[in-house]
Every structure is written in structure tokens, then in C-alpha cells.
Amino acid sequence: MKKGVTVILLLFSSILFGQVNEQKHFKNIRQLTYGGDNAEAYFSFDGKNLSCQITNKKWNISCDQIFDIDIAKASEDSTYRPTMISTGKGRTTCSYFMPDNKHILYASTHLNADTCPAPPPHIPGKYLWAIYPEFDIFVADKKGQIVQQLTNKPGYDAEATVSPDGKKIVFTSTRSGDLELWTMDIDGKNQKQITFGLGYDGGAFFSPDSKQLVFRASRPKTPEQIKEYQDLLNKGLVAPSDMEIYTCNVDGSNLKQVTNLGKANWAPFFTPDGKKIIFSSNHAAKNGYNFQLYTINTDGSGLEQITTESVFNAFPMFSPNGKKIVWSSNRNNGGTRDTNLFIADWK
């Protein structure tokens, strides 16, 4: 009897202290993918589908390609395989649905080569992202037919997202010599640089009212930091280990630093009411690699940890109606290196 009581108490303690923090905002968690590297999943405007990038060697996909996921089918069937939208050539990244729910924009290197570009070099103690100058932004229909090329300037053009009102696109480009934010009309016209500070400005998303942007940024300050940043950028590389979250108006005015946590704070997205920002951060990690989701008020106050399970949670996005959240996590991967997509009701 005592043993049974002890087990019950242990289970209760686990629920009370180990899961309450995570379950406070998540309800009805469902896994949508099962194997491979699944990331940057973003809702269609009608909330029925997700666009995402997938690497899966079992599917003979050796570097990221863009897929269209039917949420209802993925929720019900663990063997469901989404539809590939990209060409299968080169490397792709950063997809996003267009307002008609029938087209998806994404960045791709396929015009340069059919094969995957070389991965970034391994430097001990240094984590690097490749900023491939061959990336340009394209629009394809859901059958994979490219219908428009939105960028054609020399240099990296990627990380594009669409405003909720369907009028604007924000993206990151090196065409002016640094990784800056640019905007354009939904048809690709009126491309305009809106950030100008030295450092990596990227991963931008619009506020629910389409009037503001939230993004990640590095700001090297010392001569040594500036030299390292510029040397890496000249090689098509960036070290994303020191980034904070910023906001600004769509025209670049009213630039504000929201976080001052240290380490890597990235993948930000506005909460449905526009008053908070959800993002991924390893600022509390002892070994550097423990990324959890947090929310923070837009004025930098009220930091709250949202996830506690696994050591990687990132790319959160709310559904257009604000009722659901999707994110990438390496939870429930059976000890592998797989990163899968999860969806939950947001409380």
C-alpha cells in the first residue's frame, strides 16, 4: 500500500513540478512529423496548412526542400507524407504562404546548381550558419510550378515572410554589403532597405496589425567582434551565437531592442494580441545548447519560460486566428537527432 501511495505521489510531483510550466500555455499537443529534420513550419492564411523545410535521408532529401503539410491529415496519420513544393534541386529555406493560400514563397539556390551547396566549415568551438549568396526568393504554386522570381540581385536574399494584411513581404539581403532587412510589395516591387546597423538582421515577422516587425539581430561592437563578423560574412558565414530580439515599424523607424539576455535569442513571433513576443533562447543554458521557448512583453519586461521538455524548441508561430501554435522540437525522437513539428492549442 505504501509503495502504491509513493508511486502516486511521485507521479503527482512530476506533473506538478515538471510539466505545469509547459502545459500552462499548451493544450492538446499533437506531433505532425516523424523523422528527419523538420523546421520553420508556418501557417497558411486560412490556418489549414503549413509550409516547412525538410531534410530526410530516408526520402533521399539530403538538404532542405520545401513541403506543404495538410494539418488535419498530419494530425491523424503518422505515416502521412506531405507534398514537396520546391524543385528538389539545390537547397531551399524560409517558406511562407501567400495570401491566396494557393502559392508559397521560398528561397532557393537551384538556379546556381542542382546539387546541395557545401555545408559551412567545422570550426571547433564555433557554430556557423552558411549565408549562401546563391539564394533568391521564388513563388510557386502548390504543384511545385515556379510562377515568379521575386529577387535577382547579387548576394543572399532569403528569410522572407508575408504581412497578415497580405500587402508586404519582409526579407533579409546582403545586396548592400551587410545582412539587413528589406521590404517589398507582395508582387516584388518597391524593394527597400529598412535596417542599417552593422550585424545580422534576420528572421523577421510582422505584427498582427502588419504595422511592426520583430526580428533577431547581432550587433558586434568591439574592433575584434566587428572584424570577426565581417571576415565571416565575406566568406558567406555568420556565427549566430550572440543575438537579441528587436522590433521596429515596417519602415524601419522606432527601432527598439527588446531582449538583453545574452547568448542566442532568435525565431521571434508576435503573440496574437501583439503585446508579447515568443522566441527561442539558450540564455539560461549551462552548456550553450538548450533552447527553450519564452515570451516577453514588447517593452522587454515580463520574461516567461514556456517550454521545458527536450533541449531544442524553436520556430514558434501562431495560427491566423490565434488559437493554435506550431513549433519545432527534438522531443519524442527516441534518442535520435530528429527534429519534428508539433502543434498545440494555445492558452
Protein backbone atom coordinates (compact mmCIF):
# COMPACT_ATOMS: atom_id res chain seq x y z
CA MET A 1 0.00 0.00 0.00
CA LYS A 2 2.77 2.39 0.93
CA LYS A 3 4.54 1.60 -2.33
CA GLY A 4 1.39 2.43 -4.28
CA VAL A 5 0.97 5.72 -2.44
CA THR A 6 4.61 6.58 -3.10
CA VAL A 7 4.20 5.93 -6.83
CA ILE A 8 1.09 8.12 -6.93
CA LEU A 9 2.89 10.89 -5.07
CA LEU A 10 5.87 10.67 -7.42
CA LEU A 11 3.61 10.87 -10.46
CA PHE A 12 1.77 13.83 -8.95
CA SER A 13 5.06 15.58 -8.19
CA SER A 14 6.21 15.01 -11.76
CA ILE A 15 3.03 16.51 -13.12
CA LEU A 16 3.04 19.38 -10.66
CA PHE A 17 6.68 20.43 -10.89
CA GLY A 18 7.93 19.01 -14.18
CA GLN A 19 5.12 19.76 -16.58
CA VAL A 20 2.97 22.58 -15.24
CA ASN A 21 5.23 25.25 -16.70
CA GLU A 22 4.99 23.74 -20.16
CA GLN A 23 1.33 22.78 -20.01
CA LYS A 24 0.27 26.18 -18.76
CA HIS A 25 0.01 27.52 -22.31
CA PHE A 26 -0.13 24.31 -24.36
CA LYS A 27 -3.15 22.05 -24.60
CA ASN A 28 -3.78 19.04 -26.84
CA ILE A 29 -0.19 18.71 -28.14
CA ARG A 30 -0.01 16.71 -31.37
CA GLN A 31 3.03 15.55 -33.32
CA LEU A 32 2.88 16.26 -37.06
CA THR A 33 6.10 14.74 -38.44
CA TYR A 34 8.03 11.60 -37.59
CA GLY A 35 11.67 11.59 -38.60
CA GLY A 36 14.21 13.77 -40.32
CA ASP A 37 14.85 17.46 -39.76
CA ASN A 38 11.58 19.40 -39.96
CA ALA A 39 11.74 23.13 -39.30
CA GLU A 40 10.32 26.59 -39.98
CA ALA A 41 6.70 25.50 -40.28
CA TYR A 42 4.38 28.43 -40.96
CA PHE A 43 0.59 28.53 -41.25
CA SER A 44 -1.35 29.28 -44.40
CA PHE A 45 -3.66 32.29 -44.19
CA ASP A 46 -6.68 30.00 -43.72
CA GLY A 47 -4.89 28.03 -40.98
CA LYS A 48 -5.38 24.66 -42.69
CA ASN A 49 -1.86 24.01 -43.97
CA LEU A 50 1.77 24.56 -43.09
CA SER A 51 4.74 25.26 -45.31
CA CYS A 52 8.03 23.95 -43.96
CA GLN A 53 11.53 22.85 -44.89
CA ILE A 54 12.54 19.21 -44.52
CA THR A 55 15.75 17.22 -44.75
CA ASN A 56 15.10 13.48 -44.67
CA LYS A 57 17.65 10.96 -45.91
CA LYS A 58 15.00 8.22 -45.95
CA TRP A 59 13.22 10.29 -48.62
CA ASN A 60 16.54 10.89 -50.45
CA ILE A 61 16.42 14.55 -49.45
CA SER A 62 19.94 15.44 -48.36
CA CYS A 63 19.38 19.15 -47.80
CA ASP A 64 16.29 21.23 -47.07
CA GLN A 65 13.38 21.22 -49.52
CA ILE A 66 10.01 22.93 -49.12
CA PHE A 67 6.85 20.96 -48.34
CA ASP A 68 3.14 21.67 -47.95
CA ILE A 69 1.59 19.94 -44.92
CA ASP A 70 -2.13 19.31 -44.56
CA ILE A 71 -2.54 19.79 -40.80
CA ALA A 72 -5.64 17.61 -40.46
CA LYS A 73 -4.01 14.68 -42.30
CA ALA A 74 -0.71 15.00 -40.44
CA SER A 75 -2.53 15.09 -37.10
CA GLU A 76 -4.35 11.84 -37.80
CA ASP A 77 -1.77 9.76 -39.68
CA SER A 78 1.83 9.26 -38.54
CA THR A 79 2.68 7.80 -41.99
CA TYR A 80 1.39 10.87 -43.87
CA ARG A 81 3.93 12.29 -46.31
CA PRO A 82 3.49 15.95 -47.26
CA THR A 83 3.74 17.32 -50.79
CA MET A 84 7.06 18.75 -51.94
CA ILE A 85 6.65 22.25 -53.39
CA SER A 86 10.26 23.10 -54.25
CA THR A 87 12.12 21.75 -57.28
CA GLY A 88 14.22 19.19 -55.38
CA LYS A 89 17.31 20.94 -56.72
CA GLY A 90 19.82 23.00 -54.75
CA ARG A 91 18.96 23.99 -51.19
CA THR A 92 15.85 25.84 -50.05
CA THR A 93 14.84 27.73 -46.93
CA CYS A 94 12.31 30.05 -45.34
CA SER A 95 8.98 29.28 -47.00
CA TYR A 96 5.76 31.20 -46.37
CA PHE A 97 2.23 31.03 -47.75
CA MET A 98 0.96 33.80 -49.98
CA PRO A 99 -2.42 35.38 -49.11
CA ASP A 100 -4.37 33.28 -51.63
CA ASN A 101 -3.38 30.03 -49.83
CA LYS A 102 -2.54 28.64 -53.28
CA HIS A 103 1.06 29.80 -53.59
CA ILE A 104 4.16 29.57 -51.38
CA LEU A 105 7.26 31.72 -51.49
CA TYR A 106 10.66 30.34 -50.55
CA ALA A 107 14.37 30.93 -51.11
CA SER A 108 16.39 28.53 -53.24
CA THR A 109 19.86 28.05 -54.72
CA HIS A 110 18.61 25.87 -57.61
CA LEU A 111 19.46 28.42 -60.31
CA ASN A 112 23.13 28.06 -59.42
CA ALA A 113 23.34 24.26 -59.20
CA ASP A 114 21.15 21.18 -58.94
CA THR A 115 23.23 19.84 -56.04
CA CYS A 116 23.24 20.91 -52.41
CA PRO A 117 25.76 23.69 -51.70
CA ALA A 118 28.69 22.85 -49.45
CA PRO A 119 27.87 22.93 -45.73
CA PRO A 120 29.62 25.52 -43.54
CA PRO A 121 33.11 24.52 -42.36
CA HIS A 122 33.57 22.96 -38.95
CA ILE A 123 35.49 25.23 -36.59
CA PRO A 124 35.97 23.83 -33.05
CA GLY A 125 34.00 25.87 -30.53
CA LYS A 126 32.30 27.95 -33.23
CA TYR A 127 28.78 27.31 -34.55
CA LEU A 128 28.29 28.72 -38.05
CA TRP A 129 25.40 29.33 -40.44
CA ALA A 130 26.01 29.50 -44.18
CA ILE A 131 24.70 32.62 -45.92
CA TYR A 132 24.67 31.30 -49.46
CA PRO A 133 24.85 34.18 -51.99
CA GLU A 134 23.05 31.94 -54.48
CA PHE A 135 19.76 32.21 -52.58
CA ASP A 136 16.95 34.05 -54.37
CA ILE A 137 13.25 34.22 -53.50
CA PHE A 138 10.65 32.49 -55.66
CA VAL A 139 6.90 31.93 -55.64
CA ALA A 140 5.50 28.50 -56.57
CA ASP A 141 2.02 27.06 -56.79
CA LYS A 142 1.08 24.05 -54.66
CA LYS A 143 2.00 21.70 -57.51
CA GLY A 144 5.58 22.99 -57.40
CA GLN A 145 5.48 25.13 -60.53
CA ILE A 146 7.51 28.33 -60.06
CA VAL A 147 5.38 31.25 -61.20
CA GLN A 148 7.56 34.20 -60.17
CA GLN A 149 11.09 35.12 -59.13
CA LEU A 150 10.92 37.99 -56.63
CA THR A 151 14.66 38.76 -56.27
CA ASN A 152 17.54 38.70 -58.74
CA LYS A 153 20.20 40.93 -57.20
CA PRO A 154 23.71 39.58 -56.42
CA GLY A 155 24.03 38.21 -52.89
CA TYR A 156 21.91 36.44 -50.29
CA ASP A 157 18.15 37.01 -50.47
CA ALA A 158 16.11 34.81 -48.11
CA GLU A 159 14.12 34.71 -44.85
CA ALA A 160 11.00 36.17 -46.45
CA THR A 161 7.64 36.39 -44.65
CA VAL A 162 4.32 37.97 -45.58
CA SER A 163 2.30 40.57 -43.67
CA PRO A 164 -1.09 39.48 -42.26
CA ASP A 165 -2.84 42.09 -44.44
CA GLY A 166 -1.24 40.48 -47.50
CA LYS A 167 0.35 43.67 -48.77
CA LYS A 168 4.05 43.41 -47.87
CA ILE A 169 6.97 40.98 -47.72
CA VAL A 170 9.99 41.39 -45.45
CA PHE A 171 13.25 39.60 -46.21
CA THR A 172 16.97 39.62 -45.41
CA SER A 173 19.54 40.58 -48.02
CA THR A 174 23.29 41.20 -48.34
CA ARG A 175 22.92 43.29 -51.50
CA SER A 176 24.03 46.45 -49.65
CA GLY A 177 27.08 44.75 -48.10
CA ASP A 178 25.57 43.63 -44.78
CA LEU A 179 22.75 41.37 -43.59
CA GLU A 180 19.91 43.88 -43.48
CA LEU A 181 16.11 43.81 -43.54
CA TRP A 182 14.35 44.80 -46.74
CA THR A 183 10.67 45.09 -47.63
CA MET A 184 8.84 44.79 -50.93
CA ASP A 185 5.28 44.82 -52.14
CA ILE A 186 3.53 41.46 -52.41
CA ASP A 187 4.31 41.41 -56.16
CA GLY A 188 8.03 42.04 -55.59
CA LYS A 189 8.02 45.73 -56.49
CA ASN A 190 9.37 48.67 -54.40
CA GLN A 191 12.23 46.78 -52.70
CA LYS A 192 13.54 48.97 -49.90
CA GLN A 193 16.21 48.61 -47.21
CA ILE A 194 14.85 49.39 -43.73
CA THR A 195 17.68 48.48 -41.28
CA PHE A 196 21.21 49.84 -41.40
CA GLY A 197 23.07 48.74 -38.23
CA LEU A 198 26.19 46.59 -38.63
CA GLY A 199 25.30 42.98 -37.82
CA TYR A 200 22.93 40.23 -38.79
CA ASP A 201 19.30 41.40 -39.08
CA GLY A 202 17.07 38.47 -39.99
CA GLY A 203 14.18 36.15 -39.30
CA ALA A 204 11.66 38.99 -39.34
CA PHE A 205 7.89 38.63 -38.88
CA PHE A 206 5.06 41.15 -38.97
CA SER A 207 2.86 42.09 -36.03
CA PRO A 208 -0.81 41.03 -36.21
CA ASP A 209 -1.78 44.53 -37.43
CA SER A 210 1.00 44.47 -40.08
CA LYS A 211 2.47 47.72 -38.73
CA GLN A 212 5.57 46.42 -36.92
CA LEU A 213 8.34 43.86 -37.35
CA VAL A 214 10.10 41.63 -34.85
CA PHE A 215 13.47 40.12 -35.74
CA ARG A 216 16.78 38.76 -34.46
CA ALA A 217 19.92 40.84 -34.67
CA SER A 218 23.60 40.71 -33.78
CA ARG A 219 25.43 43.93 -33.04
CA PRO A 220 29.23 43.47 -32.95
CA LYS A 221 30.75 46.35 -31.04
CA THR A 222 34.44 45.84 -30.29
CA PRO A 223 37.04 46.02 -33.09
CA GLU A 224 37.65 42.28 -32.64
CA GLN A 225 33.94 41.45 -32.88
CA ILE A 226 33.47 43.66 -35.94
CA LYS A 227 36.46 42.12 -37.70
CA GLU A 228 35.28 38.57 -36.99
CA TYR A 229 31.76 39.36 -38.20
CA GLN A 230 32.95 40.97 -41.41
CA ASP A 231 35.55 38.28 -42.10
CA LEU A 232 32.93 35.55 -41.72
CA LEU A 233 30.39 37.46 -43.82
CA ASN A 234 32.93 37.82 -46.62
CA LYS A 235 33.12 34.01 -46.60
CA GLY A 236 29.34 33.65 -46.67
CA LEU A 237 29.15 32.74 -42.99
CA VAL A 238 27.69 34.07 -39.77
CA ALA A 239 28.13 32.93 -36.15
CA PRO A 240 24.63 33.19 -34.61
CA SER A 241 25.72 32.76 -31.01
CA ASP A 242 25.11 36.33 -29.82
CA MET A 243 21.75 37.71 -30.94
CA GLU A 244 18.96 39.70 -29.32
CA ILE A 245 15.34 40.40 -30.27
CA TYR A 246 14.44 43.78 -31.80
CA THR A 247 11.29 45.47 -33.06
CA CYS A 248 10.72 48.35 -35.46
CA ASN A 249 8.00 49.86 -37.59
CA VAL A 250 7.60 48.44 -41.09
CA ASP A 251 9.54 51.41 -42.49
CA GLY A 252 12.42 50.77 -40.06
CA SER A 253 11.60 53.64 -37.70
CA ASN A 254 11.22 53.29 -33.93
CA LEU A 255 13.90 50.60 -33.68
CA LYS A 256 13.95 49.02 -30.19
CA GLN A 257 15.98 46.28 -28.54
CA VAL A 258 13.56 44.06 -26.62
CA THR A 259 15.84 41.45 -25.02
CA ASN A 260 19.18 41.86 -23.34
CA LEU A 261 19.71 38.27 -22.23
CA GLY A 262 22.99 37.31 -23.86
CA LYS A 263 23.73 34.23 -25.97
CA ALA A 264 21.34 33.36 -28.83
CA ASN A 265 17.81 34.78 -28.80
CA TRP A 266 16.07 34.15 -32.10
CA ALA A 267 13.00 32.85 -34.01
CA PRO A 268 10.69 35.57 -32.62
CA PHE A 269 6.97 35.88 -33.36
CA PHE A 270 4.29 38.22 -32.00
CA THR A 271 1.61 36.72 -29.78
CA PRO A 272 -1.95 37.01 -31.17
CA ASP A 273 -2.69 40.20 -29.21
CA GLY A 274 0.54 41.85 -30.41
CA LYS A 275 1.56 42.67 -26.83
CA LYS A 276 4.16 39.94 -26.36
CA ILE A 277 6.82 38.14 -28.36
CA ILE A 278 7.50 34.42 -28.25
CA PHE A 279 11.05 33.37 -29.13
CA SER A 280 13.71 30.68 -28.69
CA SER A 281 16.68 31.22 -26.40
CA ASN A 282 19.59 29.40 -24.80
CA HIS A 283 20.41 32.24 -22.40
CA ALA A 284 19.75 30.01 -19.36
CA ALA A 285 21.68 27.03 -20.73
CA LYS A 286 24.80 25.85 -18.92
CA ASN A 287 26.35 24.18 -21.97
CA GLY A 288 25.05 26.55 -24.65
CA TYR A 289 22.74 24.07 -26.35
CA ASN A 290 19.42 24.09 -24.56
CA PHE A 291 16.91 26.13 -26.50
CA GLN A 292 13.54 26.75 -24.86
CA LEU A 293 10.63 28.98 -25.83
CA TYR A 294 9.99 32.16 -23.86
CA THR A 295 7.57 35.05 -24.04
CA ILE A 296 8.37 38.65 -23.22
CA ASN A 297 6.42 41.90 -23.32
CA THR A 298 7.30 44.19 -26.21
CA ASP A 299 8.84 46.64 -23.72
CA GLY A 300 11.29 43.95 -22.51
CA SER A 301 9.52 43.13 -19.24
CA GLY A 302 7.73 40.01 -18.08
CA LEU A 303 10.02 37.25 -19.34
CA GLU A 304 8.29 33.85 -19.00
CA GLN A 305 9.59 30.39 -19.90
CA ILE A 306 7.07 28.43 -21.98
CA THR A 307 8.72 25.05 -22.70
CA THR A 308 10.80 22.77 -20.51
CA GLU A 309 10.90 19.48 -22.43
CA SER A 310 13.91 18.48 -24.60
CA VAL A 311 16.88 20.68 -25.41
CA PHE A 312 15.62 22.21 -28.65
CA ASN A 313 12.41 24.17 -29.16
CA ALA A 314 12.26 26.86 -31.85
CA PHE A 315 10.37 28.40 -34.78
CA PRO A 316 7.10 29.10 -32.94
CA MET A 317 4.21 30.54 -34.95
CA PHE A 318 0.60 31.23 -34.07
CA SER A 319 -2.28 30.37 -36.38
CA PRO A 320 -4.03 33.33 -38.03
CA ASN A 321 -6.94 33.04 -35.57
CA GLY A 322 -4.52 32.91 -32.63
CA LYS A 323 -5.89 29.64 -31.27
CA LYS A 324 -3.02 27.31 -32.16
CA ILE A 325 0.75 27.31 -32.09
CA VAL A 326 3.20 25.24 -34.14
CA TRP A 327 6.89 24.79 -33.35
CA SER A 328 9.90 22.52 -33.96
CA SER A 329 11.31 20.32 -31.21
CA ASN A 330 13.57 17.33 -30.73
CA ARG A 331 11.32 15.88 -28.03
CA ASN A 332 9.97 12.37 -28.51
CA ASN A 333 12.65 11.46 -31.07
CA GLY A 334 13.76 8.18 -29.48
CA GLY A 335 17.26 9.43 -28.77
CA THR A 336 17.96 10.30 -32.41
CA ARG A 337 18.87 13.71 -33.82
CA ASP A 338 15.44 14.11 -35.43
CA THR A 339 13.62 17.42 -35.12
CA ASN A 340 9.86 17.22 -35.62
CA LEU A 341 6.89 19.56 -35.82
CA PHE A 342 4.33 19.85 -33.04
CA ILE A 343 1.05 21.73 -32.82
CA ALA A 344 -0.99 22.64 -29.77
CA ASP A 345 -3.93 24.73 -28.67
CA TRP A 346 -2.66 28.00 -27.18
CA LYS A 347 -3.98 29.02 -23.78
